[in-house]
C-alpha atoms as a PDB file:
ATOM      1  CA  MET A   1       0.000   0.000   0.000  1.00  0.00           C
ATOM      2  CA  ASN A   2       2.809   2.392   0.842  1.00  0.00           C
ATOM      3  CA  SER A   3       4.555   1.754  -2.446  1.00  0.00           C
ATOM      4  CA  ALA A   4       1.312   2.255  -4.381  1.00  0.00           C
ATOM      5  CA  SER A   5       0.579   5.534  -2.654  1.00  0.00           C
ATOM      6  CA  SER A   6       4.109   6.757  -3.288  1.00  0.00           C
ATOM      7  CA  ILE A   7       3.763   5.883  -6.970  1.00  0.00           C
ATOM      8  CA  ASP A   8       0.488   7.801  -7.184  1.00  0.00           C
ATOM      9  CA  THR A   9       1.905  10.930  -5.592  1.00  0.00           C
ATOM     10  CA  THR A  10       5.019  10.971  -7.705  1.00  0.00           C
ATOM     11  CA  ALA A  11       2.983  10.348 -10.850  1.00  0.00           C
ATOM     12  CA  GLY A  12       0.912  13.445 -10.230  1.00  0.00           C
ATOM     13  CA  ARG A  13       3.850  15.776  -9.789  1.00  0.00           C
ATOM     14  CA  PRO A  14       4.881  16.203 -13.454  1.00  0.00           C
ATOM     15  CA  GLY A  15       1.462  17.652 -14.230  1.00  0.00           C
ATOM     16  CA  GLN A  16       1.882  20.530 -11.782  1.00  0.00           C
ATOM     17  CA  PRO A  17       4.567  22.444 -13.738  1.00  0.00           C
ATOM     18  CA  ARG A  18       2.524  22.007 -16.906  1.00  0.00           C
ATOM     19  CA  SER A  19      -0.580  23.402 -15.234  1.00  0.00           C
ATOM     20  CA  ARG A  20       1.420  26.351 -13.921  1.00  0.00           C
ATOM     21  CA  VAL A  21       2.868  27.039 -17.360  1.00  0.00           C
ATOM     22  CA  ARG A  22      -0.613  26.791 -18.830  1.00  0.00           C
ATOM     23  CA  THR A  23      -1.939  29.242 -16.236  1.00  0.00           C
ATOM     24  CA  ILE A  24       0.877  31.686 -17.009  1.00  0.00           C
ATOM     25  CA  LEU A  25       0.251  31.404 -20.747  1.00  0.00           C
ATOM     26  CA  ASN A  26      -3.486  31.950 -20.242  1.00  0.00           C
ATOM     27  CA  THR A  27      -2.740  35.060 -18.192  1.00  0.00           C
ATOM     28  CA  LEU A  28      -0.357  36.411 -20.834  1.00  0.00           C
ATOM     29  CA  SER A  29      -2.936  35.800 -23.565  1.00  0.00           C
ATOM     30  CA  LYS A  30      -5.512  38.033 -21.850  1.00  0.00           C
ATOM     31  CA  GLN A  31      -5.608  41.778 -22.406  1.00  0.00           C
ATOM     32  CA  TRP A  32      -6.257  42.651 -18.751  1.00  0.00           C
ATOM     33  CA  LEU A  33      -2.635  42.155 -17.683  1.00  0.00           C
ATOM     34  CA  TYR A  34      -1.410  44.634 -20.292  1.00  0.00           C
ATOM     35  CA  ILE A  35      -4.192  47.127 -19.623  1.00  0.00           C
ATOM     36  CA  GLY A  36      -3.424  46.993 -15.896  1.00  0.00           C
ATOM     37  CA  PHE A  37       0.264  47.659 -16.552  1.00  0.00           C
ATOM     38  CA  ALA A  38      -0.677  50.550 -18.857  1.00  0.00           C
ATOM     39  CA  ILE A  39      -2.799  52.020 -16.040  1.00  0.00           C
ATOM     40  CA  PHE A  40       0.239  51.772 -13.756  1.00  0.00           C
ATOM     41  CA  LEU A  41       2.375  53.629 -16.323  1.00  0.00           C
ATOM     42  CA  ALA A  42      -0.286  56.330 -16.742  1.00  0.00           C
ATOM     43  CA  THR A  43      -0.402  56.784 -12.953  1.00  0.00           C
ATOM     44  CA  LEU A  44       3.410  56.922 -12.857  1.00  0.00           C
ATOM     45  CA  ASN A  45       3.422  59.654 -15.506  1.00  0.00           C
ATOM     46  CA  LEU A  46       0.843  61.598 -13.541  1.00  0.00           C
ATOM     47  CA  LEU A  47       2.867  61.450 -10.319  1.00  0.00           C
ATOM     48  CA  LEU A  48       6.165  62.237 -12.055  1.00  0.00           C
ATOM     49  CA  GLY A  49       4.585  65.185 -13.851  1.00  0.00           C
ATOM     50  CA  ILE A  50       3.207  66.675 -10.638  1.00  0.00           C
ATOM     51  CA  LEU A  51       6.574  66.166  -8.927  1.00  0.00           C
ATOM     52  CA  THR A  52       8.445  67.779 -11.833  1.00  0.00           C
ATOM     53  CA  LEU A  53       6.199  70.850 -11.845  1.00  0.00           C
ATOM     54  CA  SER A  54       7.170  71.589  -8.256  1.00  0.00           C
ATOM     55  CA  TYR A  55      10.813  72.060  -9.371  1.00  0.00           C
ATOM     56  CA  LEU A  56      10.367  73.709 -12.784  1.00  0.00           C
ATOM     57  CA  HIS A  57      10.190  77.490 -13.033  1.00  0.00           C
ATOM     58  CA  PRO A  58       7.335  78.460 -15.400  1.00  0.00           C
ATOM     59  CA  LYS A  59       9.009  81.702 -16.525  1.00  0.00           C
ATOM     60  CA  LYS A  60      12.551  80.404 -17.026  1.00  0.00           C
ATOM     61  CA  GLU A  61      11.478  77.183 -18.774  1.00  0.00           C
ATOM     62  CA  ALA A  62       8.041  77.989 -20.139  1.00  0.00           C
ATOM     63  CA  LEU A  63       8.159  75.463 -22.995  1.00  0.00           C
ATOM     64  CA  LEU A  64       9.162  72.463 -20.894  1.00  0.00           C
ATOM     65  CA  PHE A  65       6.749  73.560 -18.168  1.00  0.00           C
ATOM     66  CA  GLY A  66       3.921  73.548 -20.718  1.00  0.00           C
ATOM     67  CA  ILE A  67       5.000  70.150 -22.070  1.00  0.00           C
ATOM     68  CA  VAL A  68       4.926  68.635 -18.582  1.00  0.00           C
ATOM     69  CA  CYS A  69       1.482  70.176 -17.959  1.00  0.00           C
ATOM     70  CA  PHE A  70       0.307  68.631 -21.223  1.00  0.00           C
ATOM     71  CA  GLY A  71       1.802  65.297 -20.126  1.00  0.00           C
ATOM     72  CA  ILE A  72      -0.171  65.465 -16.870  1.00  0.00           C
ATOM     73  CA  LEU A  73      -3.443  66.230 -18.657  1.00  0.00           C
ATOM     74  CA  ILE A  74      -2.971  63.470 -21.206  1.00  0.00           C
ATOM     75  CA  ALA A  75      -1.991  61.032 -18.419  1.00  0.00           C
ATOM     76  CA  LEU A  76      -5.395  61.734 -16.870  1.00  0.00           C
ATOM     77  CA  GLY A  77      -6.921  60.948 -20.257  1.00  0.00           C
ATOM     78  CA  HIS A  78      -4.960  57.674 -20.382  1.00  0.00           C
ATOM     79  CA  PHE A  79      -6.169  56.678 -16.938  1.00  0.00           C
ATOM     80  CA  ALA A  80      -9.816  57.503 -17.663  1.00  0.00           C
ATOM     81  CA  SER A  81      -9.869  55.784 -21.061  1.00  0.00           C
ATOM     82  CA  LEU A  82      -8.204  52.628 -19.722  1.00  0.00           C
ATOM     83  CA  CYS A  83     -10.629  52.439 -16.797  1.00  0.00           C
ATOM     84  CA  TYR A  84     -13.511  52.858 -19.245  1.00  0.00           C
ATOM     85  CA  LEU A  85     -12.074  50.060 -21.389  1.00  0.00           C
ATOM     86  CA  ILE A  86     -12.054  47.751 -18.359  1.00  0.00           C
ATOM     87  CA  GLN A  87     -15.562  48.837 -17.382  1.00  0.00           C
ATOM     88  CA  ARG A  88     -16.882  47.813 -20.790  1.00  0.00           C
ATOM     89  CA  ALA A  89     -16.315  44.169 -19.845  1.00  0.00           C
ATOM     90  CA  LYS A  90     -19.689  43.283 -18.335  1.00  0.00           C
ATOM     91  CA  ASN A  91     -18.652  40.010 -16.715  1.00  0.00           C
ATOM     92  CA  GLU A  92     -16.314  37.077 -17.124  1.00  0.00           C
ATOM     93  CA  TYR A  93     -18.471  35.535 -19.873  1.00  0.00           C
ATOM     94  CA  SER A  94     -18.556  38.521 -22.229  1.00  0.00           C
ATOM     95  CA  ASP A  95     -16.285  38.757 -25.262  1.00  0.00           C
ATOM     96  CA  PRO A  96     -14.446  41.850 -26.539  1.00  0.00           C
ATOM     97  CA  THR A  97     -15.961  43.658 -29.495  1.00  0.00           C
ATOM     98  CA  MET A  98     -14.487  45.577 -32.401  1.00  0.00           C
ATOM     99  CA  LEU A  99     -15.456  48.749 -30.541  1.00  0.00           C
ATOM    100  CA  ASP A 100     -13.167  47.676 -27.687  1.00  0.00           C
ATOM    101  CA  ALA A 101     -10.347  47.188 -30.194  1.00  0.00           C
ATOM    102  CA  LEU A 102     -11.043  50.663 -31.587  1.00  0.00           C
ATOM    103  CA  TYR A 103     -10.854  52.158 -28.078  1.00  0.00           C
ATOM    104  CA  ALA A 104      -7.560  50.344 -27.494  1.00  0.00           C
ATOM    105  CA  PHE A 105      -6.059  51.782 -30.688  1.00  0.00           C
ATOM    106  CA  GLY A 106      -7.258  55.222 -29.561  1.00  0.00           C
ATOM    107  CA  VAL A 107      -5.383  54.785 -26.275  1.00  0.00           C
ATOM    108  CA  ILE A 108      -2.274  53.858 -28.289  1.00  0.00           C
ATOM    109  CA  ILE A 109      -2.550  57.147 -30.173  1.00  0.00           C
ATOM    110  CA  LEU A 110      -2.872  59.064 -26.877  1.00  0.00           C
ATOM    111  CA  PHE A 111       0.241  57.419 -25.451  1.00  0.00           C
ATOM    112  CA  ALA A 112       2.147  58.079 -28.691  1.00  0.00           C
ATOM    113  CA  ILE A 113       1.186  61.771 -28.574  1.00  0.00           C
ATOM    114  CA  SER A 114       2.360  61.944 -24.965  1.00  0.00           C
ATOM    115  CA  GLY A 115       5.649  60.212 -25.781  1.00  0.00           C
ATOM    116  CA  ALA A 116       6.327  62.466 -28.769  1.00  0.00           C
ATOM    117  CA  ALA A 117       5.553  65.639 -26.813  1.00  0.00           C
ATOM    118  CA  LEU A 118       7.780  64.627 -23.902  1.00  0.00           C
ATOM    119  CA  THR A 119      10.637  63.487 -26.153  1.00  0.00           C
ATOM    120  CA  VAL A 120      10.833  66.360 -28.630  1.00  0.00           C
ATOM    121  CA  GLU A 121      12.742  68.796 -26.381  1.00  0.00           C
ATOM    122  CA  LEU A 122      14.829  66.312 -24.389  1.00  0.00           C
ATOM    123  CA  PRO A 123      17.836  66.010 -26.770  1.00  0.00           C
ATOM    124  CA  SER A 124      18.453  69.764 -26.984  1.00  0.00           C
ATOM    125  CA  ARG A 125      17.785  70.611 -23.336  1.00  0.00           C
ATOM    126  CA  CYS A 126      18.954  67.616 -21.317  1.00  0.00           C
ATOM    127  CA  PHE A 127      21.261  65.495 -23.471  1.00  0.00           C
ATOM    128  CA  SER A 128      23.348  67.987 -25.455  1.00  0.00           C
ATOM    129  CA  GLY A 129      25.967  68.596 -22.791  1.00  0.00           C
ATOM    130  CA  PRO A 130      26.099  71.484 -20.303  1.00  0.00           C
ATOM    131  CA  ASN A 131      23.969  74.399 -21.541  1.00  0.00           C
ATOM    132  CA  GLU A 132      21.811  77.185 -20.149  1.00  0.00           C
ATOM    133  CA  HIS A 133      18.633  75.112 -20.287  1.00  0.00           C
ATOM    134  CA  PHE A 134      20.211  72.200 -18.440  1.00  0.00           C
ATOM    135  CA  LYS A 135      21.413  74.522 -15.665  1.00  0.00           C
ATOM    136  CA  VAL A 136      17.899  75.923 -15.228  1.00  0.00           C
ATOM    137  CA  ILE A 137      16.100  72.592 -15.501  1.00  0.00           C
ATOM    138  CA  GLY A 138      18.465  70.509 -13.395  1.00  0.00           C
ATOM    139  CA  LYS A 139      19.468  66.875 -13.603  1.00  0.00           C
ATOM    140  CA  ASN A 140      16.571  65.568 -11.507  1.00  0.00           C
ATOM    141  CA  CYS A 141      13.911  67.249 -13.644  1.00  0.00           C
ATOM    142  CA  CYS A 142      15.588  65.984 -16.811  1.00  0.00           C
ATOM    143  CA  MET A 143      15.562  62.439 -15.457  1.00  0.00           C
ATOM    144  CA  ALA A 144      11.904  62.759 -14.438  1.00  0.00           C
ATOM    145  CA  VAL A 145      10.818  63.991 -17.877  1.00  0.00           C
ATOM    146  CA  THR A 146      12.910  61.247 -19.478  1.00  0.00           C
ATOM    147  CA  ALA A 147      11.174  58.658 -17.293  1.00  0.00           C
ATOM    148  CA  MET A 148       7.790  60.048 -18.359  1.00  0.00           C
ATOM    149  CA  ALA A 149       8.756  59.776 -22.027  1.00  0.00           C
ATOM    150  CA  VAL A 150      10.093  56.229 -21.623  1.00  0.00           C
ATOM    151  CA  SER A 151       6.968  55.079 -19.777  1.00  0.00           C
ATOM    152  CA  SER A 152       4.765  56.594 -22.499  1.00  0.00           C
ATOM    153  CA  TRP A 153       6.591  54.728 -25.270  1.00  0.00           C
ATOM    154  CA  LEU A 154       6.596  51.550 -23.183  1.00  0.00           C
ATOM    155  CA  ALA A 155       2.832  51.934 -22.759  1.00  0.00           C
ATOM    156  CA  VAL A 156       2.508  52.250 -26.550  1.00  0.00           C
ATOM    157  CA  ILE A 157       4.171  48.842 -26.988  1.00  0.00           C
ATOM    158  CA  ILE A 158       2.083  47.285 -24.220  1.00  0.00           C
ATOM    159  CA  MET A 159      -1.186  48.653 -25.597  1.00  0.00           C
ATOM    160  CA  ILE A 160      -0.309  47.451 -29.110  1.00  0.00           C
ATOM    161  CA  ILE A 161      -0.119  43.924 -27.666  1.00  0.00           C
ATOM    162  CA  ALA A 162      -3.408  44.444 -25.799  1.00  0.00           C
ATOM    163  CA  ALA A 163      -5.123  45.851 -28.906  1.00  0.00           C
ATOM    164  CA  ILE A 164      -4.004  42.865 -30.995  1.00  0.00           C
ATOM    165  CA  ILE A 165      -5.333  40.462 -28.349  1.00  0.00           C
ATOM    166  CA  ILE A 166      -8.658  42.330 -28.216  1.00  0.00           C
ATOM    167  CA  PHE A 167      -8.926  42.410 -32.014  1.00  0.00           C
ATOM    168  CA  VAL A 168      -8.218  38.670 -32.349  1.00  0.00           C
ATOM    169  CA  ALA A 169     -10.704  37.849 -29.557  1.00  0.00           C
ATOM    170  CA  ALA A 170     -13.369  40.027 -31.186  1.00  0.00           C
ATOM    171  CA  ARG A 171     -12.836  38.347 -34.569  1.00  0.00           C
ATOM    172  CA  ARG A 172     -13.030  34.936 -32.915  1.00  0.00           C
ATOM    173  CA  ALA A 173     -16.256  35.916 -31.135  1.00  0.00           C
ATOM    174  CA  ILE A 174     -17.808  36.986 -34.450  1.00  0.00           C
ATOM    175  CA  GLU A 175     -16.901  33.638 -36.017  1.00  0.00           C
ATOM    176  CA  LEU A 176     -18.126  31.639 -33.023  1.00  0.00           C
ATOM    177  CA  ALA A 177     -21.417  33.544 -33.019  1.00  0.00           C
ATOM    178  CA  LYS A 178     -22.195  31.967 -36.392  1.00  0.00           C
ATOM    179  CA  LEU A 179     -21.950  28.458 -34.925  1.00  0.00           C
ATOM    180  CA  PRO A 180     -25.002  26.601 -33.526  1.00  0.00           C
ATOM    181  CA  PRO A 181     -25.657  26.740 -29.776  1.00  0.00           C
ATOM    182  CA  PRO A 182     -23.904  24.264 -27.446  1.00  0.00           C
ATOM    183  CA  VAL A 183     -25.497  20.819 -27.328  1.00  0.00           C
ATOM    184  CA  PHE A 184     -27.135  19.740 -24.058  1.00  0.00           C
ATOM    185  CA  PRO A 185     -26.392  22.848 -21.986  1.00  0.00           C
ATOM    186  CA  SER A 186     -26.071  22.112 -18.282  1.00  0.00           C
ATOM    187  CA  GLY A 187     -26.775  25.500 -16.771  1.00  0.00           C
ATOM    188  CA  ALA A 188     -24.954  28.813 -16.708  1.00  0.00           C
ATOM    189  CA  GLU A 189     -21.602  27.472 -17.854  1.00  0.00           C
ATOM    190  CA  ALA A 190     -19.046  29.579 -19.678  1.00  0.00           C
ATOM    191  CA  PRO A 191     -19.658  28.144 -23.205  1.00  0.00           C
ATOM    192  CA  VAL A 192     -23.421  28.594 -22.876  1.00  0.00           C
ATOM    193  CA  MET A 193     -23.200  32.122 -21.492  1.00  0.00           C
ATOM    194  CA  ARG A 194     -20.662  33.130 -24.132  1.00  0.00           C
ATOM    195  CA  TRP A 195     -22.905  31.840 -26.904  1.00  0.00           C
ATOM    196  CA  LEU A 196     -25.889  33.725 -25.466  1.00  0.00           C
ATOM    197  CA  ASP A 197     -23.795  36.884 -25.160  1.00  0.00           C
ATOM    198  CA  ARG A 198     -22.601  36.648 -28.771  1.00  0.00           C
ATOM    199  CA  ASN A 199     -26.126  36.020 -30.057  1.00  0.00           C
ATOM    200  CA  ASP A 200     -27.964  38.566 -27.923  1.00  0.00           C
ATOM    201  CA  PRO A 201     -30.605  40.122 -30.233  1.00  0.00           C
ATOM    202  CA  PHE A 202     -30.797  43.287 -28.127  1.00  0.00           C
ATOM    203  CA  ARG A 203     -27.035  43.866 -28.045  1.00  0.00           C
ATOM    204  CA  GLU A 204     -26.830  45.650 -31.405  1.00  0.00           C
ATOM    205  CA  ILE A 205     -29.766  47.866 -30.447  1.00  0.00           C
ATOM    206  CA  LEU A 206     -28.027  48.872 -27.208  1.00  0.00           C
ATOM    207  CA  LEU A 207     -24.754  49.568 -29.029  1.00  0.00           C
ATOM    208  CA  ARG A 208     -26.523  51.734 -31.583  1.00  0.00           C
ATOM    209  CA  SER A 209     -28.332  53.668 -28.862  1.00  0.00           C
ATOM    210  CA  ARG A 210     -24.958  54.547 -27.289  1.00  0.00           C
END
């Protein structure tokens, strides 16, 4: 009996790493991980922008001061749009739509605008050697603005991945909606609820009313 039980326990162990790898792959294939990281980057830009404004002189460095203010405002737009994108998911059974993919591409454009605005003046003011602008701005402010620009471009890459995942999931949902309903449904299971969500006759009416 002891040998049999030891064989059973050791036989079940190889499946555990596979299940963990499968769980990790399933997590990486969902858009929520990337959207959550993009929200973190938007919040980081917001905090860095507010911190940078407390050290920048608006009269001595009016252009960079305005760029940082613009970065703060657009970071608020990033945060709000990403939260709205998450809120569009009604529950765990609902599928992304093409409208969700369109929103995701819009967020990419916002992050790209933020990255371009924060990057355009950095080479001449912070990375061209000692100059008058660098003396006024200071090393810490230059590093903070650089971090804001890097996080914006990193968010662009992350949201491109999320937008591709949303687009592929929306296309798959459209194709699966054309299939017949699941055979012998056994209650409110995920396949049944997904099929009902894809074939909801009132869904298009609600989307048009919005």
